[in-house]
Amino acid sequence: MADVVQLQPAACDGIDHGTTAARLKELQDEAHAFNNLLRVNETVAHGEKHATQVAEASKVFYDLLPATHTTLDKTDEGSNEGRALHASQSFYEQVTQLPVGERKALLKATMDENAAIAAKDHLFPAMTVSMAPDTFVNSINVAYRGDTGMQFTFSYMGGQCTEFSKPKPEDPPTVTAPFWSISLPTLNLRR
C-alpha cells in the first residue's frame, strides 16, 4: 500500500491554516521560554546562582528552536544584554520563518505573556511588534525599561510567508493567467 501524502498545515501557501493543538502547545512553550529568558537576563543579580538561571533559561529557549538557530547564542558568555540581544534576534528569525497561522499564534502567545509580565515588573523588557495586514513582520522591538534605556529592533527580513489578500466585494473582477492579468471595469447601468 502506498503512503498517503498529506498536505502540511504548516505549509507556506499564503493561507492561515491555524495550528494543531500539539503545535499550539509547542508555540506557547516557545513564547514562555523567550519571555523567561528576557526576565532572567533583565535581572541585575550576579554570581553563580544567577549564571545557572541564565544558562538554564538559554538552554530551554534554544532547545525549542529549530536546529538552524544553534549559534554561539547558547553559550554566549558576554553580558546579560548580549544574551538577550542574541535571543531576541533568534526569536525574530524564528517568527519570520513560520507559516502564517503559526506566526500569528506565536506572536499572540508571546505578546500576551510579555504584556502581563511587563504590567507587574517595571524593569521587564517590553516587546512591540509591527505586522502588516498580510502578516509580514515589519519589526520586533524589545525595549528595556529603567536606567539602561537599551532596546533591540529587528526589521524587514525578506522571504517571509505572507497571507494572500482576499478581494473585497467592491474590487473589480480580475482575470489572471500565469504571466498576465487584466482588470475589467465595473459597469454601472443604473439610471
Protein backbone atom coordinates (compact mmCIF):
# COMPACT_ATOMS: atom_id res chain seq x y z
CA MET A 1 0.00 0.00 0.00
CA ALA A 2 1.43 3.37 -0.99
CA ASP A 3 2.00 6.04 1.61
CA VAL A 4 -0.68 8.73 1.62
CA VAL A 5 0.73 12.19 1.13
CA GLN A 6 -0.97 14.71 3.37
CA LEU A 7 -0.79 18.44 2.99
CA GLN A 8 1.21 20.09 5.71
CA PRO A 9 -1.00 22.55 7.60
CA ALA A 10 2.21 24.48 8.22
CA ALA A 11 2.97 24.91 4.52
CA CYS A 12 3.67 28.40 3.22
CA ASP A 13 0.81 28.71 0.76
CA GLY A 14 -0.49 32.14 1.77
CA ILE A 15 -3.39 30.72 3.76
CA ASP A 16 -3.83 30.87 7.52
CA HIS A 17 -4.26 27.20 8.43
CA GLY A 18 -4.14 27.95 12.16
CA THR A 19 -2.28 25.40 14.25
CA THR A 20 -2.87 21.95 15.62
CA ALA A 21 -3.36 21.63 19.36
CA ALA A 22 0.05 19.97 19.74
CA ARG A 23 1.80 22.65 17.70
CA LEU A 24 0.00 25.42 19.58
CA LYS A 25 1.36 23.98 22.84
CA GLU A 26 4.88 23.99 21.36
CA LEU A 27 4.49 27.62 20.28
CA GLN A 28 3.19 28.62 23.73
CA ASP A 29 6.17 26.86 25.33
CA GLU A 30 8.50 28.76 23.00
CA ALA A 31 6.80 32.07 23.87
CA HIS A 32 7.13 31.33 27.58
CA ALA A 33 10.79 30.30 27.21
CA PHE A 34 11.59 33.53 25.33
CA ASN A 35 9.88 35.73 27.92
CA ASN A 36 11.55 33.80 30.73
CA LEU A 37 14.95 34.33 29.11
CA LEU A 38 14.24 38.07 28.90
CA ARG A 39 13.12 38.06 32.54
CA VAL A 40 16.24 36.25 33.74
CA ASN A 41 18.51 38.46 31.65
CA GLU A 42 17.00 41.73 32.87
CA THR A 43 17.95 40.83 36.41
CA VAL A 44 20.92 42.78 37.73
CA ALA A 45 21.93 39.91 40.02
CA HIS A 46 25.35 38.37 39.69
CA GLY A 47 27.05 35.26 40.91
CA GLU A 48 26.85 31.53 40.39
CA LYS A 49 23.12 31.20 41.11
CA HIS A 50 22.21 33.85 38.52
CA ALA A 51 24.60 32.34 35.98
CA THR A 52 22.92 28.96 36.47
CA GLN A 53 19.46 30.52 35.96
CA VAL A 54 20.63 32.25 32.78
CA ALA A 55 22.24 29.08 31.43
CA GLU A 56 19.09 27.04 32.13
CA ALA A 57 16.77 29.66 30.58
CA SER A 58 19.02 29.85 27.49
CA LYS A 59 19.09 26.07 27.12
CA VAL A 60 15.30 25.77 27.39
CA PHE A 61 14.73 28.55 24.83
CA TYR A 62 17.24 27.37 22.24
CA ASP A 63 16.21 23.73 22.58
CA LEU A 64 12.72 24.75 21.39
CA LEU A 65 14.04 26.41 18.23
CA PRO A 66 14.88 24.56 15.02
CA ALA A 67 18.48 23.43 14.65
CA THR A 68 19.22 26.37 12.34
CA HIS A 69 19.28 28.64 15.40
CA THR A 70 22.12 26.83 17.14
CA THR A 71 24.75 29.55 17.12
CA LEU A 72 27.04 30.95 19.76
CA ASP A 73 23.88 32.34 21.36
CA LYS A 74 23.57 29.24 23.54
CA THR A 75 26.97 29.68 25.10
CA ASP A 76 27.40 33.43 24.92
CA GLU A 77 29.50 34.29 27.93
CA GLY A 78 29.01 38.00 27.45
CA SER A 79 26.76 40.37 29.32
CA ASN A 80 23.10 39.79 30.03
CA GLU A 81 22.34 42.31 27.30
CA GLY A 82 24.38 40.27 24.81
CA ARG A 83 22.43 37.13 25.59
CA ALA A 84 19.11 38.98 25.38
CA LEU A 85 20.16 40.55 22.06
CA HIS A 86 21.03 37.16 20.54
CA ALA A 87 17.86 35.57 21.91
CA SER A 88 15.71 38.41 20.53
CA GLN A 89 17.37 38.07 17.13
CA SER A 90 16.84 34.29 17.12
CA PHE A 91 13.20 34.82 18.13
CA TYR A 92 12.69 37.30 15.28
CA GLU A 93 14.29 34.94 12.76
CA GLN A 94 12.13 32.08 14.03
CA VAL A 95 8.92 34.13 13.77
CA THR A 96 9.67 35.26 10.22
CA GLN A 97 10.28 31.68 9.07
CA LEU A 98 6.94 30.34 10.32
CA PRO A 99 3.84 29.91 8.16
CA VAL A 100 1.00 32.40 8.61
CA GLY A 101 -1.11 30.61 11.25
CA GLU A 102 1.84 29.59 13.39
CA ARG A 103 3.35 33.09 13.18
CA LYS A 104 0.12 34.63 14.43
CA ALA A 105 -0.14 32.08 17.27
CA LEU A 106 3.47 32.51 18.41
CA LEU A 107 3.31 36.30 18.36
CA LYS A 108 -0.02 36.36 20.21
CA ALA A 109 1.23 34.00 22.94
CA THR A 110 4.48 35.94 23.30
CA MET A 111 2.88 39.38 23.33
CA ASP A 112 0.13 38.37 25.78
CA GLU A 113 2.61 36.94 28.28
CA ASN A 114 5.07 39.80 27.74
CA ALA A 115 2.37 42.41 28.44
CA ALA A 116 1.21 40.55 31.57
CA ILE A 117 4.75 40.37 32.99
CA ALA A 118 5.61 43.96 32.00
CA ALA A 119 2.48 45.22 33.79
CA LYS A 120 3.78 43.78 37.07
CA ASP A 121 7.55 44.24 36.63
CA HIS A 122 8.61 47.78 35.72
CA LEU A 123 12.08 46.58 34.63
CA PHE A 124 10.92 43.75 32.37
CA PRO A 125 11.75 44.36 28.68
CA ALA A 126 8.58 45.31 26.81
CA MET A 127 8.14 43.85 23.33
CA THR A 128 6.26 45.52 20.49
CA VAL A 129 5.52 44.08 17.06
CA SER A 130 4.69 45.86 13.84
CA MET A 131 2.99 43.44 11.46
CA ALA A 132 1.37 44.25 8.12
CA PRO A 133 -2.18 43.02 7.37
CA ASP A 134 -0.68 40.22 5.24
CA THR A 135 1.30 39.03 8.34
CA PHE A 136 4.65 40.33 7.07
CA VAL A 137 6.51 41.19 10.28
CA ASN A 138 7.86 44.69 9.72
CA SER A 139 9.70 44.82 13.04
CA ILE A 140 10.03 43.42 16.52
CA ASN A 141 11.32 45.75 19.20
CA VAL A 142 12.47 44.69 22.67
CA ALA A 143 12.92 47.74 24.92
CA TYR A 144 14.50 47.60 28.33
CA ARG A 145 12.99 49.98 30.80
CA GLY A 146 14.68 51.65 33.70
CA ASP A 147 18.17 53.14 33.65
CA THR A 148 19.64 51.34 30.66
CA GLY A 149 17.24 52.64 28.01
CA MET A 150 18.57 49.87 25.79
CA GLN A 151 16.45 48.43 23.00
CA PHE A 152 16.82 45.95 20.16
CA THR A 153 14.92 46.35 16.91
CA PHE A 154 14.87 43.72 14.19
CA SER A 155 13.16 44.55 10.94
CA TYR A 156 12.33 43.67 7.36
CA MET A 157 13.65 40.15 6.98
CA GLY A 158 12.77 39.08 3.44
CA GLY A 159 11.40 35.75 2.33
CA GLN A 160 8.55 35.67 4.83
CA CYS A 161 5.46 33.61 4.21
CA THR A 162 2.60 36.08 3.91
CA GLU A 163 -1.16 35.78 3.71
CA PHE A 164 -2.91 36.21 0.39
CA SER A 165 -5.28 39.14 0.49
CA LYS A 166 -8.87 38.28 -0.23
CA PRO A 167 -10.62 40.51 -2.75
CA LYS A 168 -13.26 42.82 -1.34
CA PRO A 169 -16.76 42.83 -2.87
CA GLU A 170 -16.20 46.34 -4.24
CA ASP A 171 -12.94 45.36 -6.02
CA PRO A 172 -13.29 45.00 -9.81
CA PRO A 173 -13.07 41.40 -11.03
CA THR A 174 -9.62 40.28 -12.18
CA VAL A 175 -8.83 37.61 -14.73
CA THR A 176 -5.37 36.13 -14.28
CA ALA A 177 -3.11 33.85 -16.25
CA PRO A 178 0.41 32.67 -15.40
CA PHE A 179 2.14 35.76 -16.83
CA TRP A 180 -0.51 38.45 -17.30
CA SER A 181 -3.64 39.93 -15.77
CA ILE A 182 -6.49 42.12 -16.89
CA SER A 183 -8.66 44.27 -14.65
CA LEU A 184 -12.16 44.63 -16.05
CA PRO A 185 -14.11 47.83 -15.40
CA THR A 186 -17.30 47.66 -13.36
CA LEU A 187 -20.30 48.91 -15.34
CA ASN A 188 -22.95 50.91 -13.51
CA LEU A 189 -26.19 50.55 -15.52
CA ARG A 190 -28.46 52.28 -13.01
CA ARG A 191 -30.20 55.46 -14.07
